[in-house]
Amino acid sequence: MASNKRHERTRARRMALQVLYTGAITGESPTAVAESGRYLDEDGELSDYALMLIRGCEAHRAYLTRQLNATAENWSVSRMPIVDLAILRIGAYEMLFVDEVPNSVAINEAVELAKAYGAEDESPRFVNGVLGKIARSIDAGESLFPKPGSASGPGEAADEAASADSAAEEAPAAEDVAAAPVEPAPEGDATEVTIKAADERLVEDDEEAAVYES
């Protein structure tokens, strides 16, 4: 049963990545993309967990941006490949907001996504390094920024207000968009954005070994 749940969440992360990527490329809200059904349906309908990841990453976009900017040395989010950034958002969101998912699992799953869909050969190492650094901060009881809505931190309204700035900062460069794996849809149809997998990788191992090494 636990293994089935894990596989379902692996599928949910993969579908959430497709939606976040599509939203980044088209400039649309990921939630709107999900609700319109403009994503690959080879995995079926979006699960509740996939929708939670999509909506969570969108709602806390500015907060996650600040975390990633502060953690990824010499790499602002504006310089990150679109796919890698979407993977990092999912992993960071699970680590920071989904208590039932161990940090080691969130990192392992993000690394597997990077192996299959990452923009560069070094994407898995990069994703592992950034999320591993966040995990070490969490384990040490440190917090780069208070969570939105916390007593000592900015509320949701402030987080949403900051999202406009982060969105402008993250606007993909023309060369990134040109290099993105986009397949044109037939004339007259809505644009269909796809992510090509090098191969499909499911996490079979039930061990939750941490991969904190950068």
C-alpha atoms as a PDB file:
ATOM      1  CA  MET A   1       0.000   0.000   0.000  1.00  0.00           C
ATOM      2  CA  ALA A   2       2.786   2.411   0.926  1.00  0.00           C
ATOM      3  CA  SER A   3       4.567   1.571  -2.325  1.00  0.00           C
ATOM      4  CA  ASN A   4       1.417   2.301  -4.359  1.00  0.00           C
ATOM      5  CA  LYS A   5       0.992   5.652  -2.629  1.00  0.00           C
ATOM      6  CA  ARG A   6       4.597   6.495  -3.367  1.00  0.00           C
ATOM      7  CA  HIS A   7       4.204   5.646  -7.049  1.00  0.00           C
ATOM      8  CA  GLU A   8       1.042   7.746  -7.198  1.00  0.00           C
ATOM      9  CA  ARG A   9       2.903  10.709  -5.769  1.00  0.00           C
ATOM     10  CA  THR A  10       5.762  10.181  -8.207  1.00  0.00           C
ATOM     11  CA  ARG A  11       3.206  10.410 -11.016  1.00  0.00           C
ATOM     12  CA  ALA A  12       1.641  13.471  -9.375  1.00  0.00           C
ATOM     13  CA  ARG A  13       5.011  15.241  -9.245  1.00  0.00           C
ATOM     14  CA  ARG A  14       5.619  14.447 -12.903  1.00  0.00           C
ATOM     15  CA  MET A  15       2.252  15.902 -13.911  1.00  0.00           C
ATOM     16  CA  ALA A  16       2.711  18.950 -11.677  1.00  0.00           C
ATOM     17  CA  LEU A  17       6.028  19.561 -13.429  1.00  0.00           C
ATOM     18  CA  GLN A  18       4.313  19.507 -16.824  1.00  0.00           C
ATOM     19  CA  VAL A  19       1.754  22.073 -15.678  1.00  0.00           C
ATOM     20  CA  LEU A  20       4.294  24.384 -13.999  1.00  0.00           C
ATOM     21  CA  TYR A  21       6.504  24.218 -17.079  1.00  0.00           C
ATOM     22  CA  THR A  22       3.589  25.005 -19.391  1.00  0.00           C
ATOM     23  CA  GLY A  23       2.585  27.963 -17.250  1.00  0.00           C
ATOM     24  CA  ALA A  24       6.150  29.324 -17.258  1.00  0.00           C
ATOM     25  CA  ILE A  25       6.455  29.038 -21.034  1.00  0.00           C
ATOM     26  CA  THR A  26       3.044  30.496 -21.854  1.00  0.00           C
ATOM     27  CA  GLY A  27       2.991  33.092 -19.081  1.00  0.00           C
ATOM     28  CA  GLU A  28      -0.252  31.704 -17.682  1.00  0.00           C
ATOM     29  CA  SER A  29      -1.285  30.761 -14.200  1.00  0.00           C
ATOM     30  CA  PRO A  30      -0.403  27.092 -13.560  1.00  0.00           C
ATOM     31  CA  THR A  31      -3.780  26.665 -11.885  1.00  0.00           C
ATOM     32  CA  ALA A  32      -5.495  27.968 -15.030  1.00  0.00           C
ATOM     33  CA  VAL A  33      -3.452  25.555 -17.158  1.00  0.00           C
ATOM     34  CA  ALA A  34      -4.466  22.676 -14.887  1.00  0.00           C
ATOM     35  CA  GLU A  35      -8.137  23.610 -14.922  1.00  0.00           C
ATOM     36  CA  SER A  36      -8.170  23.975 -18.712  1.00  0.00           C
ATOM     37  CA  GLY A  37      -6.687  20.502 -19.163  1.00  0.00           C
ATOM     38  CA  ARG A  38      -3.862  21.725 -21.404  1.00  0.00           C
ATOM     39  CA  TYR A  39      -1.285  19.186 -20.330  1.00  0.00           C
ATOM     40  CA  LEU A  40      -0.252  15.718 -21.438  1.00  0.00           C
ATOM     41  CA  ASP A  41      -2.878  13.223 -20.352  1.00  0.00           C
ATOM     42  CA  GLU A  42      -0.758  10.088 -20.709  1.00  0.00           C
ATOM     43  CA  ASP A  43      -0.820   9.832 -16.923  1.00  0.00           C
ATOM     44  CA  GLY A  44      -4.555  10.419 -16.727  1.00  0.00           C
ATOM     45  CA  GLU A  45      -6.303  13.176 -14.837  1.00  0.00           C
ATOM     46  CA  LEU A  46      -4.492  15.336 -12.331  1.00  0.00           C
ATOM     47  CA  SER A  47      -4.633  13.783  -8.885  1.00  0.00           C
ATOM     48  CA  ASP A  48      -5.454  15.704  -5.726  1.00  0.00           C
ATOM     49  CA  TYR A  49      -1.785  15.627  -4.783  1.00  0.00           C
ATOM     50  CA  ALA A  50      -0.727  17.016  -8.176  1.00  0.00           C
ATOM     51  CA  LEU A  51      -3.268  19.830  -7.845  1.00  0.00           C
ATOM     52  CA  MET A  52      -2.026  20.561  -4.320  1.00  0.00           C
ATOM     53  CA  LEU A  53       1.554  20.873  -5.621  1.00  0.00           C
ATOM     54  CA  ILE A  54       0.493  23.116  -8.502  1.00  0.00           C
ATOM     55  CA  ARG A  55      -1.625  25.432  -6.370  1.00  0.00           C
ATOM     56  CA  GLY A  56       0.911  25.457  -3.546  1.00  0.00           C
ATOM     57  CA  CYS A  57       3.833  26.335  -5.792  1.00  0.00           C
ATOM     58  CA  GLU A  58       1.779  29.124  -7.332  1.00  0.00           C
ATOM     59  CA  ALA A  59       0.443  30.501  -4.038  1.00  0.00           C
ATOM     60  CA  HIS A  60       3.931  30.572  -2.491  1.00  0.00           C
ATOM     61  CA  ARG A  61       5.809  31.506  -5.645  1.00  0.00           C
ATOM     62  CA  ALA A  62       7.499  34.595  -4.174  1.00  0.00           C
ATOM     63  CA  TYR A  63       8.449  32.824  -0.955  1.00  0.00           C
ATOM     64  CA  LEU A  64       9.967  29.871  -2.822  1.00  0.00           C
ATOM     65  CA  THR A  65      11.799  32.292  -5.103  1.00  0.00           C
ATOM     66  CA  ARG A  66      13.413  33.990  -2.118  1.00  0.00           C
ATOM     67  CA  GLN A  67      14.443  30.650  -0.663  1.00  0.00           C
ATOM     68  CA  LEU A  68      15.974  29.441  -3.917  1.00  0.00           C
ATOM     69  CA  ASN A  69      17.739  32.734  -4.610  1.00  0.00           C
ATOM     70  CA  ALA A  70      19.282  32.664  -1.138  1.00  0.00           C
ATOM     71  CA  THR A  71      20.310  29.009  -1.415  1.00  0.00           C
ATOM     72  CA  ALA A  72      21.568  28.585  -4.993  1.00  0.00           C
ATOM     73  CA  GLU A  73      25.018  30.163  -4.867  1.00  0.00           C
ATOM     74  CA  ASN A  74      25.870  32.140  -7.995  1.00  0.00           C
ATOM     75  CA  TRP A  75      22.526  31.154  -9.559  1.00  0.00           C
ATOM     76  CA  SER A  76      19.553  33.509  -9.382  1.00  0.00           C
ATOM     77  CA  VAL A  77      16.228  32.057 -10.472  1.00  0.00           C
ATOM     78  CA  SER A  78      16.344  34.255 -13.570  1.00  0.00           C
ATOM     79  CA  ARG A  79      19.365  32.251 -14.774  1.00  0.00           C
ATOM     80  CA  MET A  80      17.968  28.806 -14.026  1.00  0.00           C
ATOM     81  CA  PRO A  81      16.585  26.671 -16.868  1.00  0.00           C
ATOM     82  CA  ILE A  82      12.803  26.693 -16.764  1.00  0.00           C
ATOM     83  CA  VAL A  83      12.451  22.954 -16.196  1.00  0.00           C
ATOM     84  CA  ASP A  84      15.060  22.891 -13.433  1.00  0.00           C
ATOM     85  CA  LEU A  85      13.384  25.817 -11.675  1.00  0.00           C
ATOM     86  CA  ALA A  86       9.998  24.066 -11.777  1.00  0.00           C
ATOM     87  CA  ILE A  87      11.561  20.922 -10.298  1.00  0.00           C
ATOM     88  CA  LEU A  88      13.191  22.963  -7.549  1.00  0.00           C
ATOM     89  CA  ARG A  89       9.882  24.660  -6.740  1.00  0.00           C
ATOM     90  CA  ILE A  90       8.145  21.307  -6.308  1.00  0.00           C
ATOM     91  CA  GLY A  91      10.915  19.899  -4.135  1.00  0.00           C
ATOM     92  CA  ALA A  92      11.239  23.026  -2.010  1.00  0.00           C
ATOM     93  CA  TYR A  93       7.462  23.282  -1.585  1.00  0.00           C
ATOM     94  CA  GLU A  94       7.223  19.701  -0.328  1.00  0.00           C
ATOM     95  CA  MET A  95      10.117  20.228   2.086  1.00  0.00           C
ATOM     96  CA  LEU A  96       8.776  23.483   3.484  1.00  0.00           C
ATOM     97  CA  PHE A  97       5.008  22.936   3.429  1.00  0.00           C
ATOM     98  CA  VAL A  98       4.199  19.195   3.269  1.00  0.00           C
ATOM     99  CA  ASP A  99       5.014  17.761   6.678  1.00  0.00           C
ATOM    100  CA  GLU A 100       4.142  14.167   5.792  1.00  0.00           C
ATOM    101  CA  VAL A 101       6.858  13.974   3.111  1.00  0.00           C
ATOM    102  CA  PRO A 102      10.367  13.464   4.555  1.00  0.00           C
ATOM    103  CA  ASN A 103      12.990  15.822   3.193  1.00  0.00           C
ATOM    104  CA  SER A 104      15.001  12.889   1.871  1.00  0.00           C
ATOM    105  CA  VAL A 105      12.028  11.694  -0.200  1.00  0.00           C
ATOM    106  CA  ALA A 106      11.341  15.181  -1.586  1.00  0.00           C
ATOM    107  CA  ILE A 107      14.987  15.474  -2.633  1.00  0.00           C
ATOM    108  CA  ASN A 108      15.200  11.991  -4.135  1.00  0.00           C
ATOM    109  CA  GLU A 109      12.028  12.534  -6.143  1.00  0.00           C
ATOM    110  CA  ALA A 110      13.227  15.924  -7.407  1.00  0.00           C
ATOM    111  CA  VAL A 111      16.560  14.432  -8.448  1.00  0.00           C
ATOM    112  CA  GLU A 112      14.736  11.679 -10.377  1.00  0.00           C
ATOM    113  CA  LEU A 113      12.685  14.341 -12.174  1.00  0.00           C
ATOM    114  CA  ALA A 114      15.908  16.158 -13.026  1.00  0.00           C
ATOM    115  CA  LYS A 115      17.433  12.948 -14.405  1.00  0.00           C
ATOM    116  CA  ALA A 116      14.448  12.425 -16.680  1.00  0.00           C
ATOM    117  CA  TYR A 117      13.565  15.987 -17.653  1.00  0.00           C
ATOM    118  CA  GLY A 118      16.441  18.257 -16.604  1.00  0.00           C
ATOM    119  CA  ALA A 119      17.748  20.827 -19.046  1.00  0.00           C
ATOM    120  CA  GLU A 120      21.422  19.935 -18.566  1.00  0.00           C
ATOM    121  CA  ASP A 121      23.550  16.906 -17.748  1.00  0.00           C
ATOM    122  CA  GLU A 122      24.362  18.585 -14.444  1.00  0.00           C
ATOM    123  CA  SER A 123      20.696  19.200 -13.572  1.00  0.00           C
ATOM    124  CA  PRO A 124      20.409  16.280 -11.111  1.00  0.00           C
ATOM    125  CA  ARG A 125      23.531  17.406  -9.262  1.00  0.00           C
ATOM    126  CA  PHE A 126      22.361  21.015  -9.245  1.00  0.00           C
ATOM    127  CA  VAL A 127      18.885  20.127  -7.941  1.00  0.00           C
ATOM    128  CA  ASN A 128      20.372  17.843  -5.309  1.00  0.00           C
ATOM    129  CA  GLY A 129      22.792  20.521  -4.150  1.00  0.00           C
ATOM    130  CA  VAL A 130      20.202  23.290  -3.816  1.00  0.00           C
ATOM    131  CA  LEU A 131      17.570  21.172  -2.068  1.00  0.00           C
ATOM    132  CA  GLY A 132      20.205  19.515   0.093  1.00  0.00           C
ATOM    133  CA  LYS A 133      21.281  22.909   1.376  1.00  0.00           C
ATOM    134  CA  ILE A 134      17.682  23.782   2.232  1.00  0.00           C
ATOM    135  CA  ALA A 135      17.329  20.429   4.016  1.00  0.00           C
ATOM    136  CA  ARG A 136      20.412  21.063   6.116  1.00  0.00           C
ATOM    137  CA  SER A 137      19.024  24.457   7.137  1.00  0.00           C
ATOM    138  CA  ILE A 138      15.732  22.840   8.151  1.00  0.00           C
ATOM    139  CA  ASP A 139      17.521  20.083  10.086  1.00  0.00           C
ATOM    140  CA  ALA A 140      19.570  22.719  11.923  1.00  0.00           C
ATOM    141  CA  GLY A 141      16.424  24.603  12.890  1.00  0.00           C
ATOM    142  CA  GLU A 142      17.375  27.529  10.704  1.00  0.00           C
ATOM    143  CA  SER A 143      14.990  29.504   8.518  1.00  0.00           C
ATOM    144  CA  LEU A 144      16.164  31.796   5.769  1.00  0.00           C
ATOM    145  CA  PHE A 145      12.758  33.445   5.695  1.00  0.00           C
ATOM    146  CA  PRO A 146       9.682  32.990   7.915  1.00  0.00           C
ATOM    147  CA  LYS A 147       6.844  31.120   6.256  1.00  0.00           C
ATOM    148  CA  PRO A 148       4.072  33.249   4.777  1.00  0.00           C
ATOM    149  CA  GLY A 149       1.369  33.803   7.354  1.00  0.00           C
ATOM    150  CA  SER A 150       3.588  33.013  10.336  1.00  0.00           C
ATOM    151  CA  ALA A 151       3.513  35.266  13.373  1.00  0.00           C
ATOM    152  CA  SER A 152       6.990  36.603  12.667  1.00  0.00           C
ATOM    153  CA  GLY A 153       6.787  36.625   8.921  1.00  0.00           C
ATOM    154  CA  PRO A 154       4.859  38.290   6.109  1.00  0.00           C
ATOM    155  CA  GLY A 155       1.296  37.210   5.473  1.00  0.00           C
ATOM    156  CA  GLU A 156      -0.143  35.727   2.324  1.00  0.00           C
ATOM    157  CA  ALA A 157      -1.028  39.180   1.021  1.00  0.00           C
ATOM    158  CA  ALA A 158       2.578  40.317   1.249  1.00  0.00           C
ATOM    159  CA  ASP A 159       3.742  37.104  -0.418  1.00  0.00           C
ATOM    160  CA  GLU A 160       1.299  37.635  -3.259  1.00  0.00           C
ATOM    161  CA  ALA A 161       2.349  41.273  -3.643  1.00  0.00           C
ATOM    162  CA  ALA A 162       5.971  40.193  -3.962  1.00  0.00           C
ATOM    163  CA  SER A 163       5.128  37.627  -6.628  1.00  0.00           C
ATOM    164  CA  ALA A 164       4.887  40.298  -9.315  1.00  0.00           C
ATOM    165  CA  ASP A 165       8.511  41.242  -8.733  1.00  0.00           C
ATOM    166  CA  SER A 166       9.658  37.631  -8.718  1.00  0.00           C
ATOM    167  CA  ALA A 167       7.681  36.906 -11.881  1.00  0.00           C
ATOM    168  CA  ALA A 168       9.447  39.740 -13.677  1.00  0.00           C
ATOM    169  CA  GLU A 169      12.788  38.535 -12.384  1.00  0.00           C
ATOM    170  CA  GLU A 170      12.078  35.014 -13.570  1.00  0.00           C
ATOM    171  CA  ALA A 171      10.873  35.988 -17.048  1.00  0.00           C
ATOM    172  CA  PRO A 172      12.610  33.479 -19.353  1.00  0.00           C
ATOM    173  CA  ALA A 173      15.236  34.830 -21.662  1.00  0.00           C
ATOM    174  CA  ALA A 174      14.534  34.560 -25.372  1.00  0.00           C
ATOM    175  CA  GLU A 175      17.231  31.926 -25.803  1.00  0.00           C
ATOM    176  CA  ASP A 176      15.703  29.827 -23.015  1.00  0.00           C
ATOM    177  CA  VAL A 177      12.316  29.855 -24.675  1.00  0.00           C
ATOM    178  CA  ALA A 178      13.858  29.065 -28.026  1.00  0.00           C
ATOM    179  CA  ALA A 179      15.662  26.079 -26.531  1.00  0.00           C
ATOM    180  CA  ALA A 180      12.646  24.828 -24.608  1.00  0.00           C
ATOM    181  CA  PRO A 181      11.198  21.461 -25.695  1.00  0.00           C
ATOM    182  CA  VAL A 182       7.983  22.800 -27.185  1.00  0.00           C
ATOM    183  CA  GLU A 183       6.010  20.848 -29.753  1.00  0.00           C
ATOM    184  CA  PRO A 184       3.675  23.039 -31.871  1.00  0.00           C
ATOM    185  CA  ALA A 185       0.053  22.013 -31.867  1.00  0.00           C
ATOM    186  CA  PRO A 186      -1.963  21.662 -35.090  1.00  0.00           C
ATOM    187  CA  GLU A 187      -3.262  24.966 -36.446  1.00  0.00           C
ATOM    188  CA  GLY A 188      -6.407  26.084 -34.684  1.00  0.00           C
ATOM    189  CA  ASP A 189      -5.704  24.124 -31.500  1.00  0.00           C
ATOM    190  CA  ALA A 190      -4.499  25.526 -28.214  1.00  0.00           C
ATOM    191  CA  THR A 191      -0.738  25.519 -27.817  1.00  0.00           C
ATOM    192  CA  GLU A 192       0.409  22.206 -26.401  1.00  0.00           C
ATOM    193  CA  VAL A 193       3.618  22.279 -24.426  1.00  0.00           C
ATOM    194  CA  THR A 194       5.346  18.985 -23.719  1.00  0.00           C
ATOM    195  CA  ILE A 195       8.339  17.831 -21.779  1.00  0.00           C
ATOM    196  CA  LYS A 196      10.268  14.966 -23.329  1.00  0.00           C
ATOM    197  CA  ALA A 197      11.596  12.416 -20.905  1.00  0.00           C
ATOM    198  CA  ALA A 198      14.979  10.870 -21.457  1.00  0.00           C
ATOM    199  CA  ASP A 199      13.343   7.845 -19.912  1.00  0.00           C
ATOM    200  CA  GLU A 200      10.612   7.288 -17.363  1.00  0.00           C
ATOM    201  CA  ARG A 201      12.039   6.854 -13.915  1.00  0.00           C
ATOM    202  CA  LEU A 202       9.891   5.696 -11.029  1.00  0.00           C
ATOM    203  CA  VAL A 203      11.244   5.554  -7.521  1.00  0.00           C
ATOM    204  CA  GLU A 204      11.098   1.833  -6.704  1.00  0.00           C
ATOM    205  CA  ASP A 205      13.272   1.855  -3.619  1.00  0.00           C
ATOM    206  CA  ASP A 206      11.332   2.175  -0.381  1.00  0.00           C
ATOM    207  CA  GLU A 207      14.445   3.340   1.456  1.00  0.00           C
ATOM    208  CA  GLU A 208      14.399   7.042   2.184  1.00  0.00           C
ATOM    209  CA  ALA A 209      18.152   7.651   2.052  1.00  0.00           C
ATOM    210  CA  ALA A 210      19.011  11.323   2.133  1.00  0.00           C
ATOM    211  CA  VAL A 211      20.993  12.720  -0.780  1.00  0.00           C
ATOM    212  CA  TYR A 212      22.271  15.874   0.795  1.00  0.00           C
ATOM    213  CA  GLU A 213      25.733  15.792  -0.758  1.00  0.00           C
ATOM    214  CA  SER A 214      26.168  18.478  -3.373  1.00  0.00           C
END
